[in-house]
């Protein structure tokens, strides 16, 4: 039963991460269609970048603590990418370069979104498998 709660917690954390990435994509789309100015778009995106990174680190640590080694290994490349961006000081969107970096930023966040959806489906599978396994024991 505790394993089922662990999968539920990871499910909700993954939903929160997906919402953060979709919010960033919406800000970039608004900028692309000229609904908001570059300063507002960059400040909105930069406000959620660090919470996203911390949440991914917390999720990977949560998988390790709960003993879900495969899921923690699947989250490790995403965590490594975020840590690498943070250490190189490339994690924030620059206001002056946002129009030049727009295609790259959108591709980066779309890749993150698809990766998180993949992890979400795996988490959902394991949650259903665990709940069915608990019913038969």
Protein backbone atom coordinates (compact mmCIF):
# COMPACT_ATOMS: atom_id res chain seq x y z
CA UNK A 1 0.00 0.00 0.00
CA UNK A 2 2.89 2.34 0.72
CA UNK A 3 4.21 1.69 -2.77
CA UNK A 4 0.89 2.82 -4.22
CA UNK A 5 1.09 6.09 -2.29
CA UNK A 6 4.64 6.60 -3.56
CA UNK A 7 3.41 6.24 -7.14
CA UNK A 8 0.54 8.64 -6.44
CA UNK A 9 2.93 11.24 -5.05
CA UNK A 10 5.24 10.87 -8.04
CA UNK A 11 2.21 11.17 -10.35
CA UNK A 12 1.21 14.50 -8.83
CA UNK A 13 4.79 15.79 -8.85
CA UNK A 14 5.05 14.90 -12.54
CA UNK A 15 1.76 16.69 -13.26
CA UNK A 16 3.15 19.79 -11.51
CA UNK A 17 6.33 19.60 -13.62
CA UNK A 18 4.30 19.26 -16.81
CA UNK A 19 2.25 22.31 -15.83
CA UNK A 20 5.45 24.31 -15.26
CA UNK A 21 6.86 23.36 -18.66
CA UNK A 22 3.55 24.10 -20.42
CA UNK A 23 3.48 27.50 -18.70
CA UNK A 24 6.95 28.23 -20.07
CA UNK A 25 5.85 27.14 -23.54
CA UNK A 26 2.78 29.37 -23.33
CA UNK A 27 4.95 32.34 -22.39
CA UNK A 28 7.19 31.65 -25.39
CA UNK A 29 4.17 31.29 -27.68
CA UNK A 30 2.73 34.56 -26.39
CA UNK A 31 6.04 36.22 -27.12
CA UNK A 32 6.18 34.70 -30.59
CA UNK A 33 2.71 35.99 -31.44
CA UNK A 34 3.55 39.36 -29.88
CA UNK A 35 0.99 39.25 -27.07
CA UNK A 36 3.55 40.16 -24.40
CA UNK A 37 6.85 41.97 -24.50
CA UNK A 38 10.24 40.23 -24.12
CA UNK A 39 10.82 41.54 -20.60
CA UNK A 40 7.53 40.14 -19.25
CA UNK A 41 8.03 36.83 -21.02
CA UNK A 42 11.58 36.40 -19.74
CA UNK A 43 10.66 37.36 -16.17
CA UNK A 44 7.70 34.94 -16.16
CA UNK A 45 9.82 32.09 -17.46
CA UNK A 46 12.73 32.85 -15.14
CA UNK A 47 10.42 32.77 -12.11
CA UNK A 48 9.54 29.11 -12.69
CA UNK A 49 12.88 27.75 -13.92
CA UNK A 50 14.47 27.26 -10.51
CA UNK A 51 11.33 25.68 -8.94
CA UNK A 52 11.24 23.30 -11.91
CA UNK A 53 14.88 22.30 -11.33
CA UNK A 54 14.33 21.82 -7.59
CA UNK A 55 11.21 19.74 -8.21
CA UNK A 56 13.04 17.48 -10.68
CA UNK A 57 15.83 16.99 -8.13
CA UNK A 58 13.27 16.24 -5.43
CA UNK A 59 11.51 13.74 -7.69
CA UNK A 60 14.76 11.92 -8.49
CA UNK A 61 15.64 11.84 -4.78
CA UNK A 62 12.11 10.62 -4.00
CA UNK A 63 12.53 7.74 -6.44
CA UNK A 64 15.85 6.80 -4.84
CA UNK A 65 14.44 6.94 -1.29
CA UNK A 66 11.40 4.84 -2.20
CA UNK A 67 13.56 2.26 -3.96
CA UNK A 68 12.36 2.83 -7.51
CA UNK A 69 15.82 2.60 -9.04
CA UNK A 70 14.75 2.31 -12.67
CA UNK A 71 12.62 5.45 -12.47
CA UNK A 72 15.43 7.35 -10.76
CA UNK A 73 17.79 6.27 -13.54
CA UNK A 74 15.25 7.47 -16.11
CA UNK A 75 15.04 10.85 -14.35
CA UNK A 76 18.82 11.16 -14.07
CA UNK A 77 19.49 12.50 -17.62
CA UNK A 78 16.88 15.24 -17.15
CA UNK A 79 18.37 16.12 -13.78
CA UNK A 80 21.89 16.10 -15.23
CA UNK A 81 20.82 18.41 -18.05
CA UNK A 82 19.26 20.85 -15.59
CA UNK A 83 22.32 20.79 -13.32
CA UNK A 84 24.60 21.35 -16.31
CA UNK A 85 22.54 24.34 -17.46
CA UNK A 86 22.55 25.77 -13.94
CA UNK A 87 26.30 25.37 -13.48
CA UNK A 88 27.00 26.98 -16.85
CA UNK A 89 24.64 29.85 -15.96
CA UNK A 90 22.48 29.13 -19.02
CA UNK A 91 19.33 28.28 -17.11
CA UNK A 92 17.73 31.74 -17.29
CA UNK A 93 16.26 33.34 -20.38
CA UNK A 94 18.08 36.50 -21.44
CA UNK A 95 15.76 39.40 -22.23
CA UNK A 96 18.01 40.82 -24.93
CA UNK A 97 18.50 37.50 -26.73
CA UNK A 98 15.06 35.97 -26.31
CA UNK A 99 13.97 36.55 -29.92
CA UNK A 100 17.19 35.03 -31.27
CA UNK A 101 16.89 32.05 -28.90
CA UNK A 102 13.14 31.51 -29.36
CA UNK A 103 13.27 28.41 -31.61
CA UNK A 104 15.95 26.81 -29.43
CA UNK A 105 14.04 27.57 -26.23
CA UNK A 106 10.81 26.17 -27.65
CA UNK A 107 12.51 22.96 -28.81
CA UNK A 108 14.19 22.57 -25.45
CA UNK A 109 10.91 22.89 -23.57
CA UNK A 110 9.02 20.66 -26.01
CA UNK A 111 11.65 17.98 -25.50
CA UNK A 112 11.27 18.38 -21.73
CA UNK A 113 7.51 18.11 -22.09
CA UNK A 114 7.64 14.91 -24.12
CA UNK A 115 10.20 13.43 -21.74
CA UNK A 116 8.01 14.25 -18.73
CA UNK A 117 4.93 12.78 -20.44
CA UNK A 118 6.91 9.59 -21.08
CA UNK A 119 7.94 9.43 -17.41
CA UNK A 120 4.33 10.16 -16.43
CA UNK A 121 3.05 7.23 -18.48
CA UNK A 122 5.64 4.95 -16.92
CA UNK A 123 4.62 6.17 -13.49
CA UNK A 124 0.97 5.60 -14.33
CA UNK A 125 1.75 2.09 -15.53
CA UNK A 126 3.59 1.24 -12.34
CA UNK A 127 0.83 2.79 -10.23
CA UNK A 128 -1.82 0.64 -11.94
CA UNK A 129 0.40 -2.43 -11.78
CA UNK A 130 1.00 -1.88 -8.06
CA UNK A 131 -2.68 -1.38 -7.32
CA UNK A 132 -3.61 -4.56 -9.21
CA UNK A 133 -0.81 -6.45 -7.52
CA UNK A 134 -2.04 -5.29 -4.09
CA UNK A 135 -5.55 -6.55 -4.88
CA UNK A 136 -4.33 -10.06 -5.70
CA UNK A 137 -2.18 -10.45 -2.59
